[in-house]
Structure formats: C-alpha cells, structure tokens
Amino acid sequence: MYSLKPSPYQVMQNLAQRHRKIRRRLKLSQEEMAERSGVSLGSLKRFENSGKISLESLLKLIHLLGRLEDFDHVLSESENSDDIKKLFSK
C-alpha cells in the first residue's frame, strides 16, 4: 500500500530518533535517563533501537524532557469530523 502519510512504523522510528537526539544533546546517558524517568533501561534501549515502547513509558520519558504538552493535540477533536466518518462508512 502506498501513501504520502507516514506509516505507524515510520512514526515510531522518527520518535525514537528524535528522542535519542534530544537525550544526547542534553548529555544524558541512557542509564541516567532511565533512572530519572522511572523507565527501565531495557525499555529505553528497545525504544531508541526499534521505536517500540509502552505509552506509559513514553510519557514518562517525554515528561522528563519537559515536552509532555506536545501530546495535547494527539487525538484532539477534529474540526471536520465528517472526514473521519467517511473512513468508517461503507
């Protein structure tokens, strides 16, 4: 399937890359980030390598970076919900 929009896999990979870049810019090791956020080191490593992480752990990491408000727009009510309804109608 071809699409101009990113796939869930691509979004996961992009989030992981951006997170790693921010963490490194702040000069935080994975160990320090895991300890300070309350996310296991294994989860953090898996996230940065594969993009896979639980929502709770992702939110903890984002909170530590002071970017939790970035999620305010996720799943917010669309101005034109008719477009969404069309996706689910036959």
C-alpha atoms as a PDB file:
ATOM      1  CA  MET A   1       0.000   0.000   0.000  1.00  0.00           C
ATOM      2  CA  TYR A   2       1.365   3.397  -0.980  1.00  0.00           C
ATOM      3  CA  SER A   3       0.632   6.534   0.970  1.00  0.00           C
ATOM      4  CA  LEU A   4       2.035  10.018   1.305  1.00  0.00           C
ATOM      5  CA  LYS A   5       1.402   9.844   5.027  1.00  0.00           C
ATOM      6  CA  PRO A   6       3.901   8.102   7.312  1.00  0.00           C
ATOM      7  CA  SER A   7       3.161   4.580   8.482  1.00  0.00           C
ATOM      8  CA  PRO A   8       2.948   3.725  12.192  1.00  0.00           C
ATOM      9  CA  TYR A   9       6.380   2.112  11.844  1.00  0.00           C
ATOM     10  CA  GLN A  10       7.848   5.301  10.388  1.00  0.00           C
ATOM     11  CA  VAL A  11       6.309   7.400  13.181  1.00  0.00           C
ATOM     12  CA  MET A  12       7.816   5.050  15.786  1.00  0.00           C
ATOM     13  CA  GLN A  13      11.242   5.265  14.163  1.00  0.00           C
ATOM     14  CA  ASN A  14      11.081   9.051  13.900  1.00  0.00           C
ATOM     15  CA  LEU A  15      10.044   9.433  17.546  1.00  0.00           C
ATOM     16  CA  ALA A  16      12.888   7.189  18.665  1.00  0.00           C
ATOM     17  CA  GLN A  17      15.446   9.098  16.579  1.00  0.00           C
ATOM     18  CA  ARG A  18      14.238  12.491  17.831  1.00  0.00           C
ATOM     19  CA  HIS A  19      14.247  11.253  21.426  1.00  0.00           C
ATOM     20  CA  ARG A  20      17.794   9.901  21.141  1.00  0.00           C
ATOM     21  CA  LYS A  21      18.976  13.173  19.566  1.00  0.00           C
ATOM     22  CA  ILE A  22      17.434  15.263  22.383  1.00  0.00           C
ATOM     23  CA  ARG A  23      18.819  12.943  25.072  1.00  0.00           C
ATOM     24  CA  ARG A  24      22.306  13.191  23.603  1.00  0.00           C
ATOM     25  CA  ARG A  25      22.065  16.956  23.202  1.00  0.00           C
ATOM     26  CA  LEU A  26      21.235  17.160  26.923  1.00  0.00           C
ATOM     27  CA  LYS A  27      24.279  14.936  27.583  1.00  0.00           C
ATOM     28  CA  LEU A  28      22.197  12.320  29.394  1.00  0.00           C
ATOM     29  CA  SER A  29      23.284   8.690  29.251  1.00  0.00           C
ATOM     30  CA  GLN A  30      20.662   6.021  28.719  1.00  0.00           C
ATOM     31  CA  GLU A  31      21.275   4.855  32.275  1.00  0.00           C
ATOM     32  CA  GLU A  32      20.720   8.326  33.730  1.00  0.00           C
ATOM     33  CA  MET A  33      17.624   8.912  31.635  1.00  0.00           C
ATOM     34  CA  ALA A  34      16.152   5.554  32.666  1.00  0.00           C
ATOM     35  CA  GLU A  35      16.831   6.178  36.346  1.00  0.00           C
ATOM     36  CA  ARG A  36      15.477   9.735  36.356  1.00  0.00           C
ATOM     37  CA  SER A  37      12.349   8.870  34.362  1.00  0.00           C
ATOM     38  CA  GLY A  38      11.436   5.630  36.114  1.00  0.00           C
ATOM     39  CA  VAL A  39      11.588   3.715  32.821  1.00  0.00           C
ATOM     40  CA  SER A  40      13.656   0.539  32.794  1.00  0.00           C
ATOM     41  CA  LEU A  41      16.956   0.708  30.956  1.00  0.00           C
ATOM     42  CA  GLY A  42      15.857  -2.198  28.761  1.00  0.00           C
ATOM     43  CA  SER A  43      12.697  -0.343  27.711  1.00  0.00           C
ATOM     44  CA  LEU A  44      14.662   2.791  26.918  1.00  0.00           C
ATOM     45  CA  LYS A  45      17.225   0.871  24.853  1.00  0.00           C
ATOM     46  CA  ARG A  46      14.478  -1.002  22.979  1.00  0.00           C
ATOM     47  CA  PHE A  47      12.713   2.299  22.254  1.00  0.00           C
ATOM     48  CA  GLU A  48      15.812   4.002  20.918  1.00  0.00           C
ATOM     49  CA  ASN A  49      16.695   0.966  18.778  1.00  0.00           C
ATOM     50  CA  SER A  50      13.286  -0.089  17.483  1.00  0.00           C
ATOM     51  CA  GLY A  51      10.778   2.620  18.366  1.00  0.00           C
ATOM     52  CA  LYS A  52       8.798   0.149  20.481  1.00  0.00           C
ATOM     53  CA  ILE A  53       7.715   1.345  23.927  1.00  0.00           C
ATOM     54  CA  SER A  54       4.618   1.353  26.107  1.00  0.00           C
ATOM     55  CA  LEU A  55       2.586   4.542  26.157  1.00  0.00           C
ATOM     56  CA  GLU A  56       3.185   4.941  29.895  1.00  0.00           C
ATOM     57  CA  SER A  57       6.964   4.695  29.477  1.00  0.00           C
ATOM     58  CA  LEU A  58       6.945   7.064  26.522  1.00  0.00           C
ATOM     59  CA  LEU A  59       5.010   9.635  28.532  1.00  0.00           C
ATOM     60  CA  LYS A  60       7.475   9.318  31.421  1.00  0.00           C
ATOM     61  CA  LEU A  61      10.416   9.955  29.087  1.00  0.00           C
ATOM     62  CA  ILE A  62       8.682  12.883  27.427  1.00  0.00           C
ATOM     63  CA  HIS A  63       7.765  14.320  30.832  1.00  0.00           C
ATOM     64  CA  LEU A  64      11.410  14.211  31.902  1.00  0.00           C
ATOM     65  CA  LEU A  65      12.291  16.200  28.779  1.00  0.00           C
ATOM     66  CA  GLY A  66       9.662  18.805  29.630  1.00  0.00           C
ATOM     67  CA  ARG A  67       7.689  18.110  26.467  1.00  0.00           C
ATOM     68  CA  LEU A  68       4.546  16.429  27.805  1.00  0.00           C
ATOM     69  CA  GLU A  69       2.382  19.261  26.458  1.00  0.00           C
ATOM     70  CA  ASP A  70       3.316  18.094  22.949  1.00  0.00           C
ATOM     71  CA  PHE A  71       0.698  15.368  23.442  1.00  0.00           C
ATOM     72  CA  ASP A  72      -2.139  17.870  23.957  1.00  0.00           C
ATOM     73  CA  HIS A  73      -3.030  17.660  20.268  1.00  0.00           C
ATOM     74  CA  VAL A  74      -2.959  13.881  19.974  1.00  0.00           C
ATOM     75  CA  LEU A  75      -6.489  12.602  19.395  1.00  0.00           C
ATOM     76  CA  SER A  76      -7.986  16.069  19.839  1.00  0.00           C
ATOM     77  CA  GLU A  77     -11.383  16.589  18.261  1.00  0.00           C
ATOM     78  CA  SER A  78     -11.001  17.280  14.565  1.00  0.00           C
ATOM     79  CA  GLU A  79     -12.548  20.450  13.166  1.00  0.00           C
ATOM     80  CA  ASN A  80     -14.038  18.379  10.367  1.00  0.00           C
ATOM     81  CA  SER A  81     -15.117  15.051  11.802  1.00  0.00           C
ATOM     82  CA  ASP A  82     -17.007  14.268   8.570  1.00  0.00           C
ATOM     83  CA  ASP A  83     -13.675  13.254   7.001  1.00  0.00           C
ATOM     84  CA  ILE A  84     -13.126  10.703   9.766  1.00  0.00           C
ATOM     85  CA  LYS A  85     -16.690   9.393   9.465  1.00  0.00           C
ATOM     86  CA  LYS A  86     -16.113   8.766   5.746  1.00  0.00           C
ATOM     87  CA  LEU A  87     -13.239   6.421   6.591  1.00  0.00           C
ATOM     88  CA  PHE A  88     -15.559   4.122   8.522  1.00  0.00           C
ATOM     89  CA  SER A  89     -18.622   4.217   6.293  1.00  0.00           C
ATOM     90  CA  LYS A  90     -19.217   1.718   3.516  1.00  0.00           C
END
